[in-house]
Amino acid sequence: MAPSGQLTSSALQALLQGGELAGSWTLDAAKSEVRLTTRHTWGLLPLTGFFRQFSGSGTITPTGGVTGVFTVAAGSIDTKNPKRDNHLRSADFFNVDRHPDFTLAVDAVTPADDGVRVTGGITIAGQARPLSFDAQVCTPDGEVWLDAEVPYNRADFGMTWNMMGMAPMKGTIVIHAVFTRQ
């Protein structure tokens, strides 16, 4: 999803340390996307689910420090199959009655390899875990775009339901986050 113009780690380092990106940033949900990809039916069929509601904000200090929070409404999952979506919302998986949101708290974003390394913590279904992943960054038209593919194992978050081994434990959360300056 990133346009040409993806920043190298050295270009991003210069922007962060130069203070050009300093300030408060808000996620533009209309331009962003969060989806879950995995395989089902014993890994034979692809499955994609889009989260339709999410929000986020971040702060970049004049010296380049980055913090933020990204919240996803777990009940907004949409796999184009209402029966499956309701099951995903149940206590077998996301348990949205008790834990309506997933939260990613970002403690740092540092230049790394061909982009950035995002570190912080993630809470899904009431289970908190540290999280670190690589992402690509672009800065088109005064926005900051962050694109990442974050692998997950749902067992790490207590989601172990798996009738007859049909549902794989691993998948990917794909994030395209567009931030605008407040």
Protein backbone atom coordinates (compact mmCIF):
# COMPACT_ATOMS: atom_id res chain seq x y z
CA MET A 1 0.00 0.00 0.00
CA ALA A 2 2.90 2.34 0.51
CA PRO A 3 3.52 4.74 -2.35
CA SER A 4 6.88 5.07 -3.94
CA GLY A 5 8.93 7.26 -1.67
CA GLN A 6 9.32 4.82 1.20
CA LEU A 7 11.86 6.32 3.55
CA THR A 8 15.19 4.65 4.15
CA SER A 9 16.22 4.28 7.77
CA SER A 10 18.84 7.03 7.38
CA ALA A 11 16.31 9.45 5.79
CA LEU A 12 13.84 8.72 8.58
CA GLN A 13 16.55 9.16 11.20
CA ALA A 14 17.32 12.61 9.76
CA LEU A 15 13.62 13.59 9.80
CA LEU A 16 13.13 12.40 13.38
CA GLN A 17 16.27 13.97 14.77
CA GLY A 18 15.77 17.17 12.77
CA GLY A 19 12.43 17.71 14.47
CA GLU A 20 10.51 17.98 11.18
CA LEU A 21 7.96 15.38 12.31
CA ALA A 22 7.69 16.65 15.90
CA GLY A 23 4.17 17.09 17.21
CA SER A 24 0.93 15.26 17.82
CA TRP A 25 -0.46 12.93 15.17
CA THR A 26 -3.92 11.35 14.78
CA LEU A 27 -4.81 8.21 12.86
CA ASP A 28 -7.03 8.90 9.85
CA ALA A 29 -9.26 5.81 9.95
CA ALA A 30 -10.83 6.64 6.57
CA LYS A 31 -7.42 6.25 4.88
CA SER A 32 -6.16 3.39 7.06
CA GLU A 33 -6.79 -0.35 7.17
CA VAL A 34 -6.38 -3.17 9.68
CA ARG A 35 -6.92 -6.73 8.54
CA LEU A 36 -6.27 -10.21 9.81
CA THR A 37 -5.10 -12.93 7.44
CA THR A 38 -4.83 -16.64 8.12
CA ARG A 39 -5.86 -19.94 6.62
CA HIS A 40 -8.73 -22.18 7.75
CA THR A 41 -10.11 -25.66 7.06
CA TRP A 42 -6.82 -27.32 8.00
CA GLY A 43 -4.83 -24.57 6.28
CA LEU A 44 -6.38 -25.20 2.88
CA LEU A 45 -8.35 -21.97 2.45
CA PRO A 46 -7.28 -18.35 2.88
CA LEU A 47 -9.24 -16.17 5.29
CA THR A 48 -9.17 -12.39 5.53
CA GLY A 49 -11.06 -10.32 8.06
CA PHE A 50 -11.19 -6.54 8.15
CA PHE A 51 -11.57 -4.58 11.35
CA ARG A 52 -13.99 -1.76 10.56
CA GLN A 53 -13.42 0.39 13.68
CA PHE A 54 -10.07 1.56 15.03
CA SER A 55 -8.40 4.73 16.27
CA GLY A 56 -4.97 5.92 17.21
CA SER A 57 -2.70 8.78 18.06
CA GLY A 58 0.98 9.40 18.55
CA THR A 59 3.54 11.96 19.57
CA ILE A 60 6.94 12.63 18.08
CA THR A 61 9.26 14.68 20.27
CA PRO A 62 11.66 17.28 18.83
CA THR A 63 14.52 14.83 19.49
CA GLY A 64 12.79 11.99 17.61
CA GLY A 65 11.18 9.99 20.41
CA VAL A 66 7.94 8.30 19.34
CA THR A 67 5.06 7.06 21.50
CA GLY A 68 1.47 6.27 20.71
CA VAL A 69 -1.57 4.08 21.08
CA PHE A 70 -3.58 2.18 18.49
CA THR A 71 -6.96 0.73 19.47
CA VAL A 72 -9.02 -1.76 17.43
CA ALA A 73 -12.66 -2.59 18.20
CA ALA A 74 -12.51 -6.41 18.28
CA GLY A 75 -16.23 -6.68 17.57
CA SER A 76 -15.82 -4.83 14.28
CA ILE A 77 -14.30 -7.92 12.60
CA ASP A 78 -15.80 -8.55 9.16
CA THR A 79 -14.90 -11.74 7.27
CA LYS A 80 -18.00 -11.54 5.03
CA ASN A 81 -19.47 -14.47 6.97
CA PRO A 82 -21.79 -13.34 9.82
CA LYS A 83 -21.81 -16.75 11.52
CA ARG A 84 -18.00 -16.88 11.58
CA ASP A 85 -17.81 -13.23 12.70
CA ASN A 86 -20.13 -13.94 15.63
CA HIS A 87 -17.99 -16.95 16.59
CA LEU A 88 -14.85 -14.78 16.45
CA ARG A 89 -16.56 -12.28 18.79
CA SER A 90 -17.47 -15.06 21.27
CA ALA A 91 -15.52 -16.27 24.32
CA ASP A 92 -13.85 -18.90 22.08
CA PHE A 93 -11.82 -16.10 20.47
CA PHE A 94 -11.94 -12.31 21.07
CA ASN A 95 -14.50 -12.41 23.92
CA VAL A 96 -15.75 -8.93 23.03
CA ASP A 97 -18.27 -8.87 25.90
CA ARG A 98 -15.35 -8.79 28.36
CA HIS A 99 -12.61 -7.33 26.14
CA PRO A 100 -14.09 -5.07 23.46
CA ASP A 101 -10.76 -3.65 22.22
CA PHE A 102 -7.28 -4.70 21.20
CA THR A 103 -4.67 -2.15 22.18
CA LEU A 104 -1.17 -1.60 20.84
CA ALA A 105 0.85 0.77 23.03
CA VAL A 106 3.93 2.04 21.21
CA ASP A 107 6.92 2.88 23.40
CA ALA A 108 9.45 3.55 20.64
CA VAL A 109 9.92 3.69 16.90
CA THR A 110 13.53 3.49 15.79
CA PRO A 111 15.11 3.38 12.33
CA ALA A 112 16.09 -0.17 11.34
CA ASP A 113 17.10 -1.90 8.11
CA ASP A 114 14.67 -0.76 5.41
CA GLY A 115 12.26 1.09 7.71
CA VAL A 116 11.57 1.19 11.42
CA ARG A 117 11.36 -1.10 14.39
CA VAL A 118 8.21 -0.55 16.47
CA THR A 119 8.35 -1.70 20.10
CA GLY A 120 5.75 -1.68 22.81
CA GLY A 121 3.02 -3.96 24.07
CA ILE A 122 -0.19 -5.45 22.75
CA THR A 123 -3.30 -6.52 24.64
CA ILE A 124 -5.79 -8.88 23.01
CA ALA A 125 -8.64 -10.63 24.84
CA GLY A 126 -7.28 -9.34 28.14
CA GLN A 127 -3.82 -10.86 27.60
CA ALA A 128 -0.92 -8.38 27.46
CA ARG A 129 2.32 -9.25 25.70
CA PRO A 130 5.42 -7.30 24.61
CA LEU A 131 5.51 -6.66 20.89
CA SER A 132 8.19 -5.66 18.42
CA PHE A 133 7.84 -5.57 14.64
CA ASP A 134 9.34 -4.01 11.54
CA ALA A 135 7.42 -1.50 9.43
CA GLN A 136 7.90 0.73 6.43
CA VAL A 137 7.34 4.49 6.62
CA CYS A 138 6.40 7.06 3.97
CA THR A 139 5.67 10.76 4.38
CA PRO A 140 3.50 11.79 1.38
CA ASP A 141 1.67 15.12 1.41
CA GLY A 142 2.35 15.93 5.06
CA GLU A 143 1.10 12.57 6.33
CA VAL A 144 2.99 9.72 7.95
CA TRP A 145 2.18 6.26 6.60
CA LEU A 146 3.17 3.15 8.54
CA ASP A 147 2.81 -0.25 6.86
CA ALA A 148 3.45 -3.51 8.70
CA GLU A 149 2.71 -7.20 8.68
CA VAL A 150 2.68 -8.47 12.25
CA PRO A 151 2.70 -12.25 12.74
CA TYR A 152 0.69 -13.61 15.65
CA ASN A 153 -0.04 -16.84 17.44
CA ARG A 154 -3.54 -16.65 18.93
CA ALA A 155 -2.57 -19.12 21.69
CA ASP A 156 -0.37 -16.34 23.12
CA PHE A 157 -3.62 -14.53 23.91
CA GLY A 158 -5.52 -17.50 25.32
CA MET A 159 -7.47 -18.19 22.11
CA THR A 160 -7.00 -21.94 21.80
CA TRP A 161 -10.38 -23.07 20.45
CA ASN A 162 -9.71 -25.38 17.52
CA MET A 163 -12.34 -27.97 16.64
CA MET A 164 -10.62 -30.95 15.02
CA GLY A 165 -7.53 -28.83 14.25
CA MET A 166 -9.39 -26.86 11.57
CA ALA A 167 -8.23 -23.41 12.65
CA PRO A 168 -4.52 -22.62 12.51
CA MET A 169 -3.02 -20.87 15.51
CA LYS A 170 -0.87 -18.49 13.45
CA GLY A 171 -1.68 -15.65 11.11
CA THR A 172 -0.80 -12.07 10.27
CA ILE A 173 -2.23 -8.70 11.22
CA VAL A 174 -1.73 -6.30 8.30
CA ILE A 175 -1.69 -2.61 9.19
CA HIS A 176 -1.78 0.40 6.89
CA ALA A 177 -1.91 3.39 9.25
CA VAL A 178 -2.13 6.95 7.95
CA PHE A 179 -1.43 9.67 10.49
CA THR A 180 -2.10 13.39 10.07
CA ARG A 181 -0.71 16.20 12.20
CA GLN A 182 -3.12 17.58 14.78
